[in-house]
Amino acid sequence: MAQVTIYVKESALEAAKIAASRAKISVSQWFAQFAEAQEQKQKQSWPEFFAEVDQLLLREPEALDGWNELLKDRYTGLGVDAPRESF
């Protein structure tokens, strides 16, 4: 098993210690579980990812408002697409 050194704010470390204590595991095990959960999320398929996002939107519509704000002007000033040619 690999070893890592991480640097976090003192407040984040305290939060991790509390979470590990509640789970009755070491801080090292808590971080390992967190990393493994992230690994599993990265392995999920695109349909599962979008289904998760859709569920988030249904539960908390305001959670994605930031994305809408970020992307609202995405295509502004790009002009009109040229007609596509058939082959």
PDB file of N, CA and C in Angstrom:
ATOM      1  N   MET A   1       0.840  -1.169   0.000  1.00  0.00           N
ATOM      2  CA  MET A   1       0.000   0.000   0.000  1.00  0.00           C
ATOM      3  C   MET A   1       0.891   1.240   0.000  1.00  0.00           C
ATOM      4  N   ALA A   2       0.499   2.236  -0.790  1.00  0.00           N
ATOM      5  CA  ALA A   2       1.287   3.459  -0.908  1.00  0.00           C
ATOM      6  C   ALA A   2       1.042   4.390   0.270  1.00  0.00           C
ATOM      7  N   GLN A   3       2.012   5.237   0.521  1.00  0.00           N
ATOM      8  CA  GLN A   3       1.874   6.260   1.552  1.00  0.00           C
ATOM      9  C   GLN A   3       1.849   7.618   0.880  1.00  0.00           C
ATOM     10  N   VAL A   4       1.095   8.544   1.454  1.00  0.00           N
ATOM     11  CA  VAL A   4       1.035   9.899   0.920  1.00  0.00           C
ATOM     12  C   VAL A   4       1.146  10.903   2.055  1.00  0.00           C
ATOM     13  N   THR A   5       1.575  12.084   1.714  1.00  0.00           N
ATOM     14  CA  THR A   5       1.563  13.200   2.640  1.00  0.00           C
ATOM     15  C   THR A   5       0.603  14.221   2.068  1.00  0.00           C
ATOM     16  N   ILE A   6      -0.304  14.705   2.887  1.00  0.00           N
ATOM     17  CA  ILE A   6      -1.251  15.712   2.415  1.00  0.00           C
ATOM     18  C   ILE A   6      -1.153  16.940   3.304  1.00  0.00           C
ATOM     19  N   TYR A   7      -1.485  18.056   2.734  1.00  0.00           N
ATOM     20  CA  TYR A   7      -1.502  19.309   3.462  1.00  0.00           C
ATOM     21  C   TYR A   7      -2.917  19.857   3.425  1.00  0.00           C
ATOM     22  N   VAL A   8      -3.521  20.038   4.585  1.00  0.00           N
ATOM     23  CA  VAL A   8      -4.875  20.568   4.681  1.00  0.00           C
ATOM     24  C   VAL A   8      -4.900  21.645   5.759  1.00  0.00           C
ATOM     25  N   LYS A   9      -5.911  22.469   5.687  1.00  0.00           N
ATOM     26  CA  LYS A   9      -6.097  23.470   6.737  1.00  0.00           C
ATOM     27  C   LYS A   9      -6.346  22.742   8.057  1.00  0.00           C
ATOM     28  N   GLU A  10      -5.984  23.392   9.131  1.00  0.00           N
ATOM     29  CA  GLU A  10      -6.177  22.803  10.454  1.00  0.00           C
ATOM     30  C   GLU A  10      -7.652  22.467  10.691  1.00  0.00           C
ATOM     31  N   SER A  11      -8.543  23.344  10.228  1.00  0.00           N
ATOM     32  CA  SER A  11      -9.977  23.099  10.413  1.00  0.00           C
ATOM     33  C   SER A  11     -10.440  21.866   9.636  1.00  0.00           C
ATOM     34  N   ALA A  12      -9.863  21.652   8.459  1.00  0.00           N
ATOM     35  CA  ALA A  12     -10.220  20.471   7.663  1.00  0.00           C
ATOM     36  C   ALA A  12      -9.719  19.207   8.344  1.00  0.00           C
ATOM     37  N   LEU A  13      -8.539  19.276   8.923  1.00  0.00           N
ATOM     38  CA  LEU A  13      -8.001  18.119   9.644  1.00  0.00           C
ATOM     39  C   LEU A  13      -8.874  17.792  10.844  1.00  0.00           C
ATOM     40  N   GLU A  14      -9.313  18.809  11.560  1.00  0.00           N
ATOM     41  CA  GLU A  14     -10.183  18.570  12.716  1.00  0.00           C
ATOM     42  C   GLU A  14     -11.493  17.921  12.276  1.00  0.00           C
ATOM     43  N   ALA A  15     -12.039  18.377  11.156  1.00  0.00           N
ATOM     44  CA  ALA A  15     -13.274  17.780  10.635  1.00  0.00           C
ATOM     45  C   ALA A  15     -13.051  16.319  10.265  1.00  0.00           C
ATOM     46  N   ALA A  16     -11.904  16.023   9.655  1.00  0.00           N
ATOM     47  CA  ALA A  16     -11.577  14.640   9.289  1.00  0.00           C
ATOM     48  C   ALA A  16     -11.418  13.781  10.535  1.00  0.00           C
ATOM     49  N   LYS A  17     -10.799  14.320  11.577  1.00  0.00           N
ATOM     50  CA  LYS A  17     -10.632  13.567  12.824  1.00  0.00           C
ATOM     51  C   LYS A  17     -11.985  13.250  13.452  1.00  0.00           C
ATOM     52  N   ILE A  18     -12.886  14.206  13.412  1.00  0.00           N
ATOM     53  CA  ILE A  18     -14.229  13.982  13.972  1.00  0.00           C
ATOM     54  C   ILE A  18     -14.968  12.919  13.163  1.00  0.00           C
ATOM     55  N   ALA A  19     -14.889  13.030  11.846  1.00  0.00           N
ATOM     56  CA  ALA A  19     -15.555  12.044  10.982  1.00  0.00           C
ATOM     57  C   ALA A  19     -14.975  10.654  11.192  1.00  0.00           C
ATOM     58  N   ALA A  20     -13.668  10.558  11.323  1.00  0.00           N
ATOM     59  CA  ALA A  20     -13.020   9.258  11.549  1.00  0.00           C
ATOM     60  C   ALA A  20     -13.420   8.694  12.899  1.00  0.00           C
ATOM     61  N   SER A  21     -13.480   9.562  13.892  1.00  0.00           N
ATOM     62  CA  SER A  21     -13.880   9.122  15.231  1.00  0.00           C
ATOM     63  C   SER A  21     -15.306   8.575  15.222  1.00  0.00           C
ATOM     64  N   ARG A  22     -16.196   9.269  14.522  1.00  0.00           N
ATOM     65  CA  ARG A  22     -17.593   8.811  14.424  1.00  0.00           C
ATOM     66  C   ARG A  22     -17.674   7.459  13.735  1.00  0.00           C
ATOM     67  N   ALA A  23     -16.824   7.250  12.752  1.00  0.00           N
ATOM     68  CA  ALA A  23     -16.814   5.983  12.007  1.00  0.00           C
ATOM     69  C   ALA A  23     -16.008   4.898  12.718  1.00  0.00           C
ATOM     70  N   LYS A  24     -15.374   5.292  13.824  1.00  0.00           N
ATOM     71  CA  LYS A  24     -14.553   4.367  14.613  1.00  0.00           C
ATOM     72  C   LYS A  24     -13.414   3.762  13.794  1.00  0.00           C
ATOM     73  N   ILE A  25     -12.765   4.624  13.013  1.00  0.00           N
ATOM     74  CA  ILE A  25     -11.596   4.217  12.228  1.00  0.00           C
ATOM     75  C   ILE A  25     -10.516   5.285  12.382  1.00  0.00           C
ATOM     76  N   SER A  26      -9.314   4.964  11.959  1.00  0.00           N
ATOM     77  CA  SER A  26      -8.244   5.948  12.029  1.00  0.00           C
ATOM     78  C   SER A  26      -8.433   7.014  10.961  1.00  0.00           C
ATOM     79  N   VAL A  27      -7.775   8.153  11.152  1.00  0.00           N
ATOM     80  CA  VAL A  27      -7.833   9.219  10.165  1.00  0.00           C
ATOM     81  C   VAL A  27      -7.271   8.716   8.832  1.00  0.00           C
ATOM     82  N   SER A  28      -6.215   7.926   8.908  1.00  0.00           N
ATOM     83  CA  SER A  28      -5.620   7.359   7.697  1.00  0.00           C
ATOM     84  C   SER A  28      -6.635   6.492   6.953  1.00  0.00           C
ATOM     85  N   GLN A  29      -7.357   5.647   7.665  1.00  0.00           N
ATOM     86  CA  GLN A  29      -8.374   4.799   7.037  1.00  0.00           C
ATOM     87  C   GLN A  29      -9.506   5.645   6.469  1.00  0.00           C
ATOM     88  N   TRP A  30      -9.861   6.723   7.179  1.00  0.00           N
ATOM     89  CA  TRP A  30     -10.936   7.593   6.710  1.00  0.00           C
ATOM     90  C   TRP A  30     -10.552   8.224   5.380  1.00  0.00           C
ATOM     91  N   PHE A  31      -9.336   8.759   5.294  1.00  0.00           N
ATOM     92  CA  PHE A  31      -8.879   9.342   4.040  1.00  0.00           C
ATOM     93  C   PHE A  31      -8.796   8.279   2.941  1.00  0.00           C
ATOM     94  N   ALA A  32      -8.366   7.070   3.291  1.00  0.00           N
ATOM     95  CA  ALA A  32      -8.282   5.986   2.305  1.00  0.00           C
ATOM     96  C   ALA A  32      -9.668   5.658   1.760  1.00  0.00           C
ATOM     97  N   GLN A  33     -10.659   5.598   2.638  1.00  0.00           N
ATOM     98  CA  GLN A  33     -12.023   5.322   2.188  1.00  0.00           C
ATOM     99  C   GLN A  33     -12.538   6.442   1.291  1.00  0.00           C
ATOM    100  N   PHE A  34     -12.212   7.670   1.658  1.00  0.00           N
ATOM    101  CA  PHE A  34     -12.615   8.816   0.843  1.00  0.00           C
ATOM    102  C   PHE A  34     -11.998   8.712  -0.549  1.00  0.00           C
ATOM    103  N   ALA A  35     -10.712   8.396  -0.613  1.00  0.00           N
ATOM    104  CA  ALA A  35     -10.019   8.266  -1.901  1.00  0.00           C
ATOM    105  C   ALA A  35     -10.599   7.114  -2.716  1.00  0.00           C
ATOM    106  N   GLU A  36     -10.906   5.995  -2.065  1.00  0.00           N
ATOM    107  CA  GLU A  36     -11.481   4.846  -2.771  1.00  0.00           C
ATOM    108  C   GLU A  36     -12.864   5.179  -3.320  1.00  0.00           C
ATOM    109  N   ALA A  37     -13.648   5.952  -2.566  1.00  0.00           N
ATOM    110  CA  ALA A  37     -14.968   6.359  -3.048  1.00  0.00           C
ATOM    111  C   ALA A  37     -14.828   7.241  -4.284  1.00  0.00           C
ATOM    112  N   GLN A  38     -13.832   8.126  -4.278  1.00  0.00           N
ATOM    113  CA  GLN A  38     -13.595   8.977  -5.443  1.00  0.00           C
ATOM    114  C   GLN A  38     -13.161   8.134  -6.644  1.00  0.00           C
ATOM    115  N   GLU A  39     -12.363   7.117  -6.394  1.00  0.00           N
ATOM    116  CA  GLU A  39     -11.933   6.224  -7.466  1.00  0.00           C
ATOM    117  C   GLU A  39     -13.143   5.547  -8.102  1.00  0.00           C
ATOM    118  N   GLN A  40     -14.070   5.086  -7.276  1.00  0.00           N
ATOM    119  CA  GLN A  40     -15.263   4.429  -7.799  1.00  0.00           C
ATOM    120  C   GLN A  40     -16.116   5.402  -8.606  1.00  0.00           C
ATOM    121  N   LYS A  41     -16.224   6.640  -8.151  1.00  0.00           N
ATOM    122  CA  LYS A  41     -16.993   7.635  -8.893  1.00  0.00           C
ATOM    123  C   LYS A  41     -16.389   7.868 -10.269  1.00  0.00           C
ATOM    124  N   GLN A  42     -15.062   7.871 -10.345  1.00  0.00           N
ATOM    125  CA  GLN A  42     -14.402   8.094 -11.626  1.00  0.00           C
ATOM    126  C   GLN A  42     -14.618   6.925 -12.580  1.00  0.00           C
ATOM    127  N   LYS A  43     -14.874   5.751 -12.051  1.00  0.00           N
ATOM    128  CA  LYS A  43     -15.062   4.562 -12.883  1.00  0.00           C
ATOM    129  C   LYS A  43     -16.493   4.432 -13.398  1.00  0.00           C
ATOM    130  N   GLN A  44     -17.412   5.202 -12.834  1.00  0.00           N
ATOM    131  CA  GLN A  44     -18.802   5.028 -13.250  1.00  0.00           C
ATOM    132  C   GLN A  44     -18.985   5.491 -14.690  1.00  0.00           C
ATOM    133  N   SER A  45     -20.010   4.985 -15.310  1.00  0.00           N
ATOM    134  CA  SER A  45     -20.245   5.295 -16.719  1.00  0.00           C
ATOM    135  C   SER A  45     -20.890   6.671 -16.869  1.00  0.00           C
ATOM    136  N   TRP A  46     -20.809   7.209 -18.066  1.00  0.00           N
ATOM    137  CA  TRP A  46     -21.421   8.512 -18.324  1.00  0.00           C
ATOM    138  C   TRP A  46     -22.923   8.500 -18.049  1.00  0.00           C
ATOM    139  N   PRO A  47     -23.675   7.479 -18.460  1.00  0.00           N
ATOM    140  CA  PRO A  47     -25.108   7.487 -18.147  1.00  0.00           C
ATOM    141  C   PRO A  47     -25.367   7.547 -16.636  1.00  0.00           C
ATOM    142  N   GLU A  48     -24.558   6.823 -15.861  1.00  0.00           N
ATOM    143  CA  GLU A  48     -24.724   6.876 -14.409  1.00  0.00           C
ATOM    144  C   GLU A  48     -24.398   8.264 -13.877  1.00  0.00           C
ATOM    145  N   PHE A  49     -23.356   8.888 -14.431  1.00  0.00           N
ATOM    146  CA  PHE A  49     -22.983  10.234 -14.011  1.00  0.00           C
ATOM    147  C   PHE A  49     -24.135  11.206 -14.261  1.00  0.00           C
ATOM    148  N   PHE A  50     -24.700  11.170 -15.476  1.00  0.00           N
ATOM    149  CA  PHE A  50     -25.773  12.103 -15.802  1.00  0.00           C
ATOM    150  C   PHE A  50     -27.043  11.786 -15.020  1.00  0.00           C
ATOM    151  N   ALA A  51     -27.283  10.513 -14.732  1.00  0.00           N
ATOM    152  CA  ALA A  51     -28.430  10.151 -13.892  1.00  0.00           C
ATOM    153  C   ALA A  51     -28.249  10.738 -12.489  1.00  0.00           C
ATOM    154  N   GLU A  52     -27.021  10.711 -11.980  1.00  0.00           N
ATOM    155  CA  GLU A  52     -26.739  11.287 -10.657  1.00  0.00           C
ATOM    156  C   GLU A  52     -26.962  12.798 -10.674  1.00  0.00           C
ATOM    157  N   VAL A  53     -26.524  13.462 -11.749  1.00  0.00           N
ATOM    158  CA  VAL A  53     -26.730  14.901 -11.872  1.00  0.00           C
ATOM    159  C   VAL A  53     -28.220  15.210 -11.964  1.00  0.00           C
ATOM    160  N   ASP A  54     -28.969  14.415 -12.733  1.00  0.00           N
ATOM    161  CA  ASP A  54     -30.408  14.621 -12.848  1.00  0.00           C
ATOM    162  C   ASP A  54     -31.090  14.476 -11.496  1.00  0.00           C
ATOM    163  N   GLN A  55     -30.674  13.479 -10.717  1.00  0.00           N
ATOM    164  CA  GLN A  55     -31.251  13.287  -9.387  1.00  0.00           C
ATOM    165  C   GLN A  55     -30.942  14.481  -8.486  1.00  0.00           C
ATOM    166  N   LEU A  56     -29.737  15.000  -8.575  1.00  0.00           N
ATOM    167  CA  LEU A  56     -29.371  16.176  -7.802  1.00  0.00           C
ATOM    168  C   LEU A  56     -30.261  17.353  -8.185  1.00  0.00           C
ATOM    169  N   LEU A  57     -30.487  17.517  -9.480  1.00  0.00           N
ATOM    170  CA  LEU A  57     -31.318  18.612  -9.955  1.00  0.00           C
ATOM    171  C   LEU A  57     -32.749  18.472  -9.454  1.00  0.00           C
ATOM    172  N   LEU A  58     -33.264  17.239  -9.408  1.00  0.00           N
ATOM    173  CA  LEU A  58     -34.620  17.023  -8.920  1.00  0.00           C
ATOM    174  C   LEU A  58     -34.732  17.316  -7.430  1.00  0.00           C
ATOM    175  N   ARG A  59     -33.692  16.921  -6.663  1.00  0.00           N
ATOM    176  CA  ARG A  59     -33.707  17.137  -5.204  1.00  0.00           C
ATOM    177  C   ARG A  59     -33.425  18.582  -4.835  1.00  0.00           C
ATOM    178  N   GLU A  60     -32.462  19.178  -5.539  1.00  0.00           N
ATOM    179  CA  GLU A  60     -32.014  20.526  -5.197  1.00  0.00           C
ATOM    180  C   GLU A  60     -31.817  21.339  -6.476  1.00  0.00           C
ATOM    181  N   PRO A  61     -32.907  21.854  -7.057  1.00  0.00           N
ATOM    182  CA  PRO A  61     -32.772  22.582  -8.322  1.00  0.00           C
ATOM    183  C   PRO A  61     -31.792  23.755  -8.245  1.00  0.00           C
ATOM    184  N   GLU A  62     -31.711  24.373  -7.081  1.00  0.00           N
ATOM    185  CA  GLU A  62     -30.813  25.527  -6.931  1.00  0.00           C
ATOM    186  C   GLU A  62     -29.344  25.118  -6.920  1.00  0.00           C
ATOM    187  N   ALA A  63     -29.051  23.821  -6.743  1.00  0.00           N
ATOM    188  CA  ALA A  63     -27.662  23.363  -6.660  1.00  0.00           C
ATOM    189  C   ALA A  63     -26.915  23.569  -7.968  1.00  0.00           C
ATOM    190  N   LEU A  64     -27.620  23.555  -9.089  1.00  0.00           N
ATOM    191  CA  LEU A  64     -26.954  23.696 -10.385  1.00  0.00           C
ATOM    192  C   LEU A  64     -27.082  25.096 -10.964  1.00  0.00           C
ATOM    193  N   ASP A  65     -27.667  26.041 -10.192  1.00  0.00           N
ATOM    194  CA  ASP A  65     -27.817  27.400 -10.700  1.00  0.00           C
ATOM    195  C   ASP A  65     -26.478  28.008 -11.091  1.00  0.00           C
ATOM    196  N   GLY A  66     -25.437  27.677 -10.396  1.00  0.00           N
ATOM    197  CA  GLY A  66     -24.127  28.212 -10.719  1.00  0.00           C
ATOM    198  C   GLY A  66     -23.691  27.832 -12.121  1.00  0.00           C
ATOM    199  N   TRP A  67     -24.008  26.607 -12.545  1.00  0.00           N
ATOM    200  CA  TRP A  67     -23.650  26.163 -13.893  1.00  0.00           C
ATOM    201  C   TRP A  67     -24.398  26.975 -14.937  1.00  0.00           C
ATOM    202  N   ASN A  68     -25.692  27.175 -14.688  1.00  0.00           N
ATOM    203  CA  ASN A  68     -26.477  27.942 -15.651  1.00  0.00           C
ATOM    204  C   ASN A  68     -25.910  29.345 -15.795  1.00  0.00           C
ATOM    205  N   GLU A  69     -25.545  29.952 -14.690  1.00  0.00           N
ATOM    206  CA  GLU A  69     -24.958  31.294 -14.718  1.00  0.00           C
ATOM    207  C   GLU A  69     -23.624  31.282 -15.462  1.00  0.00           C
ATOM    208  N   LEU A  70     -22.822  30.261 -15.216  1.00  0.00           N
ATOM    209  CA  LEU A  70     -21.512  30.156 -15.839  1.00  0.00           C
ATOM    210  C   LEU A  70     -21.619  29.975 -17.359  1.00  0.00           C
ATOM    211  N   LEU A  71     -22.598  29.197 -17.798  1.00  0.00           N
ATOM    212  CA  LEU A  71     -22.694  28.840 -19.215  1.00  0.00           C
ATOM    213  C   LEU A  71     -23.633  29.716 -20.028  1.00  0.00           C
ATOM    214  N   LYS A  72     -24.336  30.658 -19.380  1.00  0.00           N
ATOM    215  CA  LYS A  72     -25.376  31.402 -20.096  1.00  0.00           C
ATOM    216  C   LYS A  72     -24.845  32.169 -21.306  1.00  0.00           C
ATOM    217  N   ASP A  73     -23.641  32.697 -21.233  1.00  0.00           N
ATOM    218  CA  ASP A  73     -23.082  33.471 -22.339  1.00  0.00           C
ATOM    219  C   ASP A  73     -22.066  32.666 -23.151  1.00  0.00           C
ATOM    220  N   ARG A  74     -22.135  31.359 -23.039  1.00  0.00           N
ATOM    221  CA  ARG A  74     -21.136  30.490 -23.652  1.00  0.00           C
ATOM    222  C   ARG A  74     -21.007  30.699 -25.162  1.00  0.00           C
ATOM    223  N   TYR A  75     -22.127  30.890 -25.844  1.00  0.00           N
ATOM    224  CA  TYR A  75     -22.090  30.988 -27.302  1.00  0.00           C
ATOM    225  C   TYR A  75     -22.296  32.426 -27.796  1.00  0.00           C
ATOM    226  N   THR A  76     -22.307  33.381 -26.903  1.00  0.00           N
ATOM    227  CA  THR A  76     -22.502  34.773 -27.288  1.00  0.00           C
ATOM    228  C   THR A  76     -21.361  35.240 -28.178  1.00  0.00           C
ATOM    229  N   GLY A  77     -21.714  35.897 -29.265  1.00  0.00           N
ATOM    230  CA  GLY A  77     -20.712  36.479 -30.146  1.00  0.00           C
ATOM    231  C   GLY A  77     -20.058  35.506 -31.109  1.00  0.00           C
ATOM    232  N   LEU A  78     -20.531  34.275 -31.166  1.00  0.00           N
ATOM    233  CA  LEU A  78     -19.914  33.303 -32.070  1.00  0.00           C
ATOM    234  C   LEU A  78     -20.481  33.379 -33.485  1.00  0.00           C
ATOM    235  N   GLY A  79     -21.581  34.080 -33.660  1.00  0.00           N
ATOM    236  CA  GLY A  79     -22.173  34.182 -34.985  1.00  0.00           C
ATOM    237  C   GLY A  79     -23.044  32.984 -35.296  1.00  0.00           C
ATOM    238  N   VAL A  80     -23.335  32.819 -36.580  1.00  0.00           N
ATOM    239  CA  VAL A  80     -24.223  31.753 -37.024  1.00  0.00           C
ATOM    240  C   VAL A  80     -23.396  30.665 -37.697  1.00  0.00           C
ATOM    241  N   ASP A  81     -23.755  29.429 -37.435  1.00  0.00           N
ATOM    242  CA  ASP A  81     -23.063  28.301 -38.082  1.00  0.00           C
ATOM    243  C   ASP A  81     -23.280  28.330 -39.599  1.00  0.00           C
ATOM    244  N   ALA A  82     -22.284  27.938 -40.341  1.00  0.00           N
ATOM    245  CA  ALA A  82     -22.435  27.766 -41.774  1.00  0.00           C
ATOM    246  C   ALA A  82     -23.264  26.518 -42.023  1.00  0.00           C
ATOM    247  N   PRO A  83     -24.002  26.486 -43.121  1.00  0.00           N
ATOM    248  CA  PRO A  83     -24.788  25.283 -43.413  1.00  0.00           C
ATOM    249  C   PRO A  83     -23.868  24.079 -43.611  1.00  0.00           C
ATOM    250  N   ARG A  84     -24.314  22.940 -43.157  1.00  0.00           N
ATOM    251  CA  ARG A  84     -23.525  21.717 -43.310  1.00  0.00           C
ATOM    252  C   ARG A  84     -23.646  21.183 -44.736  1.00  0.00           C
ATOM    253  N   GLU A  85     -22.583  20.604 -45.207  1.00  0.00           N
ATOM    254  CA  GLU A  85     -22.588  20.004 -46.535  1.00  0.00           C
ATOM    255  C   GLU A  85     -22.810  18.505 -46.398  1.00  0.00           C
ATOM    256  N   SER A  86     -23.597  17.957 -47.282  1.00  0.00           N
ATOM    257  CA  SER A  86     -23.796  16.506 -47.260  1.00  0.00           C
ATOM    258  C   SER A  86     -22.663  15.850 -48.049  1.00  0.00           C
ATOM    259  N   PHE A  87     -22.340  14.646 -47.734  1.00  0.00           N
ATOM    260  CA  PHE A  87     -21.245  13.936 -48.407  1.00  0.00           C
ATOM    261  C   PHE A  87     -21.756  12.915 -49.362  1.00  0.00           C
TER     262      PHE A  87
END
